[in-house]
Amino acid sequence: MANLLKEFKSFIYKGSAIDMAVGIIVGSVMTGMVNSLVKDVLMPPIGLLIGGVDFSSLFIVLAGGEPGAHYTTVAAANAAGATTMNLGTFMNTVVSFLITMFAIFILVKIVNKTRDKKATTTHTCPYCKSTIDITATKCPHCCSDVKPGKIIAAEESDLKKSIKNIKKIAEKNLKKIKVKSKK
């Protein structure tokens, strides 16, 4: 049971699990907002620029309906029994998808900047694919000669580095303020 919990903790802390969770949550929360942004804000001006086209009403009648009829809306075509291919709805969905994915990309990029980079002390044997110490010259599993690598030290996240820099600047300015106030 302890091993299972350890594996679960490792899974949770891996970037891909957190990235996936963030994507799902942000995607579900933003769906309505992004759909409105695309349908109500972005597509009308684009439609005007290319000749006054309302993207939500772009469709092709595939079959059915009244012979020779010209329908102005998908609803009217469907009410007359026509089968339609709704190209405008699809275009709105594609634009919504791209905006949502860009927002998720930016959010994941921000989250990744808050993570510390761990030290690299192991690598994979090129022959048996076992994990071995990075300084090893012989694989303990298959006894193959391997090239040793260099240990890469742990590194603080960009966020922690920035906070430390701000703290140093603030402390330096506080010292100047204290010196001036004592005079």
Protein backbone atom coordinates (compact mmCIF):
# COMPACT_ATOMS: atom_id res chain seq x y z
CA MET A 1 0.00 0.00 0.00
CA ALA A 2 2.86 2.40 0.85
CA ASN A 3 4.44 1.72 -2.56
CA LEU A 4 1.11 2.42 -4.29
CA LEU A 5 0.79 5.77 -2.47
CA LYS A 6 4.40 6.62 -3.36
CA GLU A 7 3.70 5.88 -7.05
CA PHE A 8 0.48 7.92 -6.91
CA LYS A 9 2.35 10.87 -5.36
CA SER A 10 5.00 10.60 -8.10
CA PHE A 11 2.26 10.56 -10.77
CA ILE A 12 0.57 13.63 -9.29
CA TYR A 13 3.82 15.60 -9.13
CA LYS A 14 4.85 14.76 -12.69
CA GLY A 15 4.30 17.65 -15.04
CA SER A 16 2.12 15.77 -17.49
CA ALA A 17 -0.54 14.86 -14.89
CA ILE A 18 -0.76 18.42 -13.60
CA ASP A 19 -0.69 19.84 -17.13
CA MET A 20 -3.51 17.51 -18.14
CA ALA A 21 -5.60 18.43 -15.09
CA VAL A 22 -5.06 22.15 -15.68
CA GLY A 23 -6.04 21.73 -19.33
CA ILE A 24 -9.25 19.91 -18.47
CA ILE A 25 -10.29 22.34 -15.74
CA VAL A 26 -9.41 25.51 -17.62
CA GLY A 27 -10.93 24.15 -20.82
CA SER A 28 -14.22 23.32 -19.15
CA VAL A 29 -14.41 26.64 -17.29
CA MET A 30 -13.51 28.73 -20.31
CA THR A 31 -15.73 27.01 -22.88
CA GLY A 32 -18.70 29.36 -22.56
CA MET A 33 -16.55 32.46 -22.46
CA VAL A 34 -14.45 31.44 -25.46
CA ASN A 35 -17.50 30.41 -27.49
CA SER A 36 -19.08 33.80 -26.83
CA LEU A 37 -15.81 35.58 -27.67
CA VAL A 38 -15.61 33.77 -31.00
CA LYS A 39 -19.31 33.93 -31.94
CA ASP A 40 -20.14 37.42 -30.66
CA VAL A 41 -16.84 39.36 -30.81
CA LEU A 42 -14.36 37.89 -33.30
CA MET A 43 -16.41 36.39 -36.12
CA PRO A 44 -18.71 39.38 -36.87
CA PRO A 45 -15.81 41.74 -37.77
CA ILE A 46 -14.08 38.97 -39.74
CA GLY A 47 -17.35 38.37 -41.57
CA LEU A 48 -17.60 42.08 -42.39
CA LEU A 49 -14.02 42.16 -43.68
CA ILE A 50 -14.70 39.36 -46.17
CA GLY A 51 -17.96 40.73 -47.49
CA GLY A 52 -20.56 40.76 -44.74
CA VAL A 53 -20.65 36.99 -44.19
CA ASP A 54 -22.28 35.72 -40.99
CA PHE A 55 -20.22 32.62 -40.22
CA SER A 56 -22.87 31.06 -38.01
CA SER A 57 -25.21 30.89 -41.00
CA LEU A 58 -22.78 29.32 -43.46
CA PHE A 59 -24.19 25.95 -44.47
CA ILE A 60 -24.71 23.69 -47.44
CA VAL A 61 -27.97 21.82 -48.07
CA LEU A 62 -27.02 18.22 -48.77
CA ALA A 63 -30.45 16.66 -49.28
CA GLY A 64 -34.15 17.10 -48.64
CA GLY A 65 -36.15 20.26 -48.17
CA GLU A 66 -38.30 21.91 -50.80
CA PRO A 67 -36.99 21.65 -54.38
CA GLY A 68 -35.45 24.93 -55.58
CA ALA A 69 -35.84 26.62 -52.19
CA HIS A 70 -33.14 28.97 -50.91
CA TYR A 71 -32.84 28.87 -47.14
CA THR A 72 -31.32 31.79 -45.23
CA THR A 73 -30.77 29.97 -41.95
CA VAL A 74 -29.86 26.46 -40.83
CA ALA A 75 -33.00 26.41 -38.68
CA ALA A 76 -35.22 27.19 -41.69
CA ALA A 77 -33.54 24.49 -43.77
CA ASN A 78 -33.83 21.92 -40.99
CA ALA A 79 -37.49 22.88 -40.39
CA ALA A 80 -38.19 22.15 -44.06
CA GLY A 81 -36.62 18.69 -43.64
CA ALA A 82 -33.28 19.47 -45.28
CA THR A 83 -30.02 17.84 -44.22
CA THR A 84 -27.33 20.49 -43.85
CA MET A 85 -23.57 20.64 -43.47
CA ASN A 86 -23.02 23.48 -40.98
CA LEU A 87 -19.67 24.94 -42.04
CA GLY A 88 -20.04 28.18 -40.05
CA THR A 89 -20.62 26.33 -36.78
CA PHE A 90 -17.55 24.22 -37.48
CA MET A 91 -15.42 27.32 -38.21
CA ASN A 92 -16.57 28.90 -34.92
CA THR A 93 -15.66 25.69 -33.09
CA VAL A 94 -12.18 25.60 -34.66
CA VAL A 95 -11.48 29.21 -33.65
CA SER A 96 -12.79 28.47 -30.12
CA PHE A 97 -10.50 25.45 -29.92
CA LEU A 98 -7.44 27.47 -30.96
CA ILE A 99 -8.15 30.23 -28.43
CA THR A 100 -8.73 27.70 -25.63
CA MET A 101 -5.53 25.80 -26.46
CA PHE A 102 -3.52 29.03 -26.52
CA ALA A 103 -4.90 30.01 -23.10
CA ILE A 104 -4.04 26.58 -21.69
CA PHE A 105 -0.56 26.81 -23.22
CA ILE A 106 0.05 30.16 -21.50
CA LEU A 107 -1.27 28.84 -18.16
CA VAL A 108 0.91 25.70 -18.31
CA LYS A 109 3.91 27.84 -19.22
CA ILE A 110 3.29 29.97 -16.12
CA VAL A 111 2.85 26.90 -13.88
CA ASN A 112 6.07 25.36 -15.23
CA LYS A 113 7.99 28.50 -14.27
CA THR A 114 6.95 27.94 -10.65
CA ARG A 115 8.48 24.45 -10.50
CA ASP A 116 12.00 23.79 -9.29
CA LYS A 117 14.25 21.80 -11.63
CA LYS A 118 15.46 18.61 -9.94
CA ALA A 119 19.06 17.43 -10.04
CA THR A 120 19.90 14.85 -12.68
CA THR A 121 21.79 11.96 -11.05
CA THR A 122 20.72 9.00 -13.21
CA HIS A 123 20.44 8.11 -16.87
CA THR A 124 19.33 5.13 -18.95
CA CYS A 125 21.70 2.35 -20.03
CA PRO A 126 21.71 2.41 -23.86
CA TYR A 127 21.76 -1.41 -23.98
CA CYS A 128 19.32 -2.76 -21.37
CA LYS A 129 17.40 0.50 -20.78
CA SER A 130 17.82 0.23 -16.98
CA THR A 131 18.18 3.35 -14.87
CA ILE A 132 21.75 3.69 -13.63
CA ASP A 133 23.86 6.25 -11.77
CA ILE A 134 24.97 9.01 -14.10
CA THR A 135 28.65 8.60 -13.12
CA ALA A 136 28.68 4.81 -13.74
CA THR A 137 31.11 3.47 -16.35
CA LYS A 138 29.63 -0.05 -16.32
CA CYS A 139 25.94 -0.94 -16.14
CA PRO A 140 25.24 -2.98 -12.97
CA HIS A 141 22.37 -4.76 -14.75
CA CYS A 142 23.86 -5.93 -18.07
CA CYS A 143 27.60 -5.28 -17.40
CA SER A 144 27.94 -3.17 -20.58
CA ASP A 145 30.46 -0.34 -20.72
CA VAL A 146 28.65 3.01 -20.69
CA LYS A 147 29.78 6.60 -20.97
CA PRO A 148 29.43 8.46 -17.67
CA GLY A 149 27.47 11.69 -17.75
CA LYS A 150 27.69 14.88 -15.76
CA ILE A 151 25.50 15.52 -12.75
CA ILE A 152 23.23 18.47 -13.38
CA ALA A 153 22.56 20.39 -10.19
CA ALA A 154 19.06 21.21 -8.97
CA GLU A 155 17.86 24.66 -9.94
CA GLU A 156 15.31 26.95 -8.38
CA SER A 157 12.24 27.91 -10.35
CA ASP A 158 12.15 31.20 -12.22
CA LEU A 159 9.49 32.39 -9.77
CA LYS A 160 11.71 31.75 -6.72
CA LYS A 161 14.67 33.45 -8.42
CA SER A 162 12.54 36.49 -9.22
CA ILE A 163 11.18 36.69 -5.67
CA LYS A 164 14.74 36.52 -4.26
CA ASN A 165 15.86 39.32 -6.61
CA ILE A 166 12.90 41.48 -5.60
CA LYS A 167 13.63 40.75 -1.94
CA LYS A 168 17.32 41.78 -2.39
CA ILE A 169 16.30 45.01 -4.10
CA ALA A 170 13.72 45.74 -1.40
CA GLU A 171 16.23 45.06 1.42
CA LYS A 172 18.84 47.27 -0.29
CA ASN A 173 16.33 50.11 -0.63
CA LEU A 174 15.16 49.63 2.96
CA LYS A 175 18.76 50.04 4.16
CA LYS A 176 19.01 53.30 2.19
CA ILE A 177 15.72 54.50 3.69
CA LYS A 178 16.90 53.62 7.22
CA VAL A 179 20.20 55.45 6.68
CA LYS A 180 18.40 58.56 5.38
CA SER A 181 15.86 58.48 8.22
CA LYS A 182 18.63 58.33 10.88
CA LYS A 183 20.23 61.54 9.54
